[in-house]
Amino acid sequence: MYFIVVKFQTKPEHTDTFMERVADFTAATRAEPGNLWFDWSRSIEDPAEFVLVEAFADDEAAGSHVNSEHFKAGLESMRPALLATPKIVSRKVEGDSWGDMGELQIG
């Protein structure tokens, strides 16, 4: 699977509405065949930083995502709200889901 983490730094005047700005992009991506997850979080240290954790089943799913119309539209909708170029980690990894943490078992 492709496992991707992206950090977005928003301009102060767009921080509170950033999630509204990406709502259509998020819904469309989650509906894609091959999308495993597409989850947003907000930094507790910097409220202007949003973190996107996403995964796609395989090369085809990842390629379809970045070539989709909603991907292009989503990036353009974000552009005016961002302070800097997003930072990304994108890796092909084994597996197709989250696994249990070995160091901390509950129950």
C-alpha atoms as a PDB file:
ATOM      1  CA  MET A   1       0.000   0.000   0.000  1.00  0.00           C
ATOM      2  CA  TYR A   2       0.971   3.637  -0.319  1.00  0.00           C
ATOM      3  CA  PHE A   3       1.136   5.340   3.072  1.00  0.00           C
ATOM      4  CA  ILE A   4       1.241   9.131   2.940  1.00  0.00           C
ATOM      5  CA  VAL A   5       1.475  11.837   5.589  1.00  0.00           C
ATOM      6  CA  VAL A   6       1.208  15.504   4.601  1.00  0.00           C
ATOM      7  CA  LYS A   7       1.556  18.589   6.819  1.00  0.00           C
ATOM      8  CA  PHE A   8      -0.264  21.770   5.775  1.00  0.00           C
ATOM      9  CA  GLN A   9       0.533  25.153   7.350  1.00  0.00           C
ATOM     10  CA  THR A  10      -2.424  27.499   7.022  1.00  0.00           C
ATOM     11  CA  LYS A  11      -2.563  31.279   6.957  1.00  0.00           C
ATOM     12  CA  PRO A  12      -4.083  32.641  10.182  1.00  0.00           C
ATOM     13  CA  GLU A  13      -7.146  34.039   8.428  1.00  0.00           C
ATOM     14  CA  HIS A  14      -7.947  30.601   6.920  1.00  0.00           C
ATOM     15  CA  THR A  15      -7.112  28.297   9.818  1.00  0.00           C
ATOM     16  CA  ASP A  16     -10.604  28.129  11.308  1.00  0.00           C
ATOM     17  CA  THR A  17     -12.251  27.351   7.959  1.00  0.00           C
ATOM     18  CA  PHE A  18      -9.615  25.041   6.484  1.00  0.00           C
ATOM     19  CA  MET A  19     -11.570  21.838   7.115  1.00  0.00           C
ATOM     20  CA  GLU A  20     -14.611  23.309   5.377  1.00  0.00           C
ATOM     21  CA  ARG A  21     -12.378  24.205   2.434  1.00  0.00           C
ATOM     22  CA  VAL A  22     -11.198  20.586   2.057  1.00  0.00           C
ATOM     23  CA  ALA A  23     -14.537  18.867   2.794  1.00  0.00           C
ATOM     24  CA  ASP A  24     -15.462  18.074  -0.833  1.00  0.00           C
ATOM     25  CA  PHE A  25     -11.930  16.904  -1.620  1.00  0.00           C
ATOM     26  CA  THR A  26     -11.975  14.677   1.457  1.00  0.00           C
ATOM     27  CA  ALA A  27     -15.368  13.121   0.654  1.00  0.00           C
ATOM     28  CA  ALA A  28     -14.440  12.475  -2.975  1.00  0.00           C
ATOM     29  CA  THR A  29     -11.124  10.876  -2.029  1.00  0.00           C
ATOM     30  CA  ARG A  30     -12.705   8.640   0.608  1.00  0.00           C
ATOM     31  CA  ALA A  31     -15.135   7.407  -2.060  1.00  0.00           C
ATOM     32  CA  GLU A  32     -12.343   6.358  -4.445  1.00  0.00           C
ATOM     33  CA  PRO A  33     -11.884   2.646  -5.087  1.00  0.00           C
ATOM     34  CA  GLY A  34      -8.588   1.698  -3.455  1.00  0.00           C
ATOM     35  CA  ASN A  35      -8.592   4.455  -0.841  1.00  0.00           C
ATOM     36  CA  LEU A  36      -7.933   2.798   2.507  1.00  0.00           C
ATOM     37  CA  TRP A  37      -8.173   5.923   4.659  1.00  0.00           C
ATOM     38  CA  PHE A  38      -7.960   9.690   4.411  1.00  0.00           C
ATOM     39  CA  ASP A  39      -7.858  11.195   7.899  1.00  0.00           C
ATOM     40  CA  TRP A  40      -7.212  14.770   8.987  1.00  0.00           C
ATOM     41  CA  SER A  41      -5.811  15.876  12.345  1.00  0.00           C
ATOM     42  CA  ARG A  42      -4.853  19.217  13.784  1.00  0.00           C
ATOM     43  CA  SER A  43      -1.614  19.802  15.649  1.00  0.00           C
ATOM     44  CA  ILE A  44      -2.015  20.420  19.371  1.00  0.00           C
ATOM     45  CA  GLU A  45       1.240  22.408  19.344  1.00  0.00           C
ATOM     46  CA  ASP A  46       0.418  24.582  16.332  1.00  0.00           C
ATOM     47  CA  PRO A  47      -3.316  25.057  15.609  1.00  0.00           C
ATOM     48  CA  ALA A  48      -2.464  26.347  12.122  1.00  0.00           C
ATOM     49  CA  GLU A  49      -0.934  22.991  11.157  1.00  0.00           C
ATOM     50  CA  PHE A  50      -3.148  20.254   9.738  1.00  0.00           C
ATOM     51  CA  VAL A  51      -1.886  16.716   9.194  1.00  0.00           C
ATOM     52  CA  LEU A  52      -3.360  14.376   6.603  1.00  0.00           C
ATOM     53  CA  VAL A  53      -2.753  10.627   6.949  1.00  0.00           C
ATOM     54  CA  GLU A  54      -3.832   8.702   3.885  1.00  0.00           C
ATOM     55  CA  ALA A  55      -3.345   5.305   2.302  1.00  0.00           C
ATOM     56  CA  PHE A  56      -4.094   3.687  -1.030  1.00  0.00           C
ATOM     57  CA  ALA A  57      -4.222  -0.025  -1.804  1.00  0.00           C
ATOM     58  CA  ASP A  58      -1.740  -0.102  -4.678  1.00  0.00           C
ATOM     59  CA  ASP A  59      -0.016   1.759  -7.521  1.00  0.00           C
ATOM     60  CA  GLU A  60      -3.211   1.938  -9.552  1.00  0.00           C
ATOM     61  CA  ALA A  61      -5.249   3.450  -6.708  1.00  0.00           C
ATOM     62  CA  ALA A  62      -2.535   5.991  -5.847  1.00  0.00           C
ATOM     63  CA  GLY A  63      -2.130   6.948  -9.492  1.00  0.00           C
ATOM     64  CA  SER A  64      -5.863   7.320 -10.026  1.00  0.00           C
ATOM     65  CA  HIS A  65      -6.023   9.576  -6.966  1.00  0.00           C
ATOM     66  CA  VAL A  66      -3.356  12.055  -8.104  1.00  0.00           C
ATOM     67  CA  ASN A  67      -4.763  12.112 -11.634  1.00  0.00           C
ATOM     68  CA  SER A  68      -8.376  12.694 -10.582  1.00  0.00           C
ATOM     69  CA  GLU A  69     -10.239  15.926 -11.186  1.00  0.00           C
ATOM     70  CA  HIS A  70     -11.136  16.240  -7.500  1.00  0.00           C
ATOM     71  CA  PHE A  71      -7.425  15.976  -6.579  1.00  0.00           C
ATOM     72  CA  LYS A  72      -6.578  18.920  -8.829  1.00  0.00           C
ATOM     73  CA  ALA A  73      -9.600  20.880  -7.609  1.00  0.00           C
ATOM     74  CA  GLY A  74      -8.749  20.066  -3.992  1.00  0.00           C
ATOM     75  CA  LEU A  75      -5.209  21.367  -4.326  1.00  0.00           C
ATOM     76  CA  GLU A  76      -6.423  24.559  -5.955  1.00  0.00           C
ATOM     77  CA  SER A  77      -9.015  25.085  -3.226  1.00  0.00           C
ATOM     78  CA  MET A  78      -6.267  24.767  -0.592  1.00  0.00           C
ATOM     79  CA  ARG A  79      -3.697  26.991  -2.305  1.00  0.00           C
ATOM     80  CA  PRO A  80      -5.017  30.390  -1.126  1.00  0.00           C
ATOM     81  CA  ALA A  81      -5.276  29.145   2.471  1.00  0.00           C
ATOM     82  CA  LEU A  82      -1.715  27.850   2.770  1.00  0.00           C
ATOM     83  CA  LEU A  83       1.262  29.706   4.186  1.00  0.00           C
ATOM     84  CA  ALA A  84       3.889  27.384   2.683  1.00  0.00           C
ATOM     85  CA  THR A  85       4.350  24.377   0.445  1.00  0.00           C
ATOM     86  CA  PRO A  86       3.042  21.278   2.263  1.00  0.00           C
ATOM     87  CA  LYS A  87       5.587  18.766   3.595  1.00  0.00           C
ATOM     88  CA  ILE A  88       5.073  15.120   2.643  1.00  0.00           C
ATOM     89  CA  VAL A  89       6.276  11.624   3.406  1.00  0.00           C
ATOM     90  CA  SER A  90       5.065   9.081   0.840  1.00  0.00           C
ATOM     91  CA  ARG A  91       6.186   5.466   0.963  1.00  0.00           C
ATOM     92  CA  LYS A  92       5.130   2.135  -0.452  1.00  0.00           C
ATOM     93  CA  VAL A  93       4.862  -0.242   2.500  1.00  0.00           C
ATOM     94  CA  GLU A  94       3.729  -3.803   3.111  1.00  0.00           C
ATOM     95  CA  GLY A  95       0.250  -4.402   4.437  1.00  0.00           C
ATOM     96  CA  ASP A  96      -3.239  -3.129   3.749  1.00  0.00           C
ATOM     97  CA  SER A  97      -4.453  -1.876   7.113  1.00  0.00           C
ATOM     98  CA  TRP A  98      -3.458  -0.716  10.583  1.00  0.00           C
ATOM     99  CA  GLY A  99      -1.872  -3.344  12.816  1.00  0.00           C
ATOM    100  CA  ASP A 100      -1.798  -3.746  16.583  1.00  0.00           C
ATOM    101  CA  MET A 101       1.017  -1.990  18.418  1.00  0.00           C
ATOM    102  CA  GLY A 102       3.334  -4.664  19.767  1.00  0.00           C
ATOM    103  CA  GLU A 103       4.774  -2.536  22.577  1.00  0.00           C
ATOM    104  CA  LEU A 104       1.416  -1.644  24.137  1.00  0.00           C
ATOM    105  CA  GLN A 105      -1.197  -4.353  24.333  1.00  0.00           C
ATOM    106  CA  ILE A 106      -4.602  -3.801  25.980  1.00  0.00           C
ATOM    107  CA  GLY A 107      -6.775  -6.687  27.158  1.00  0.00           C
END
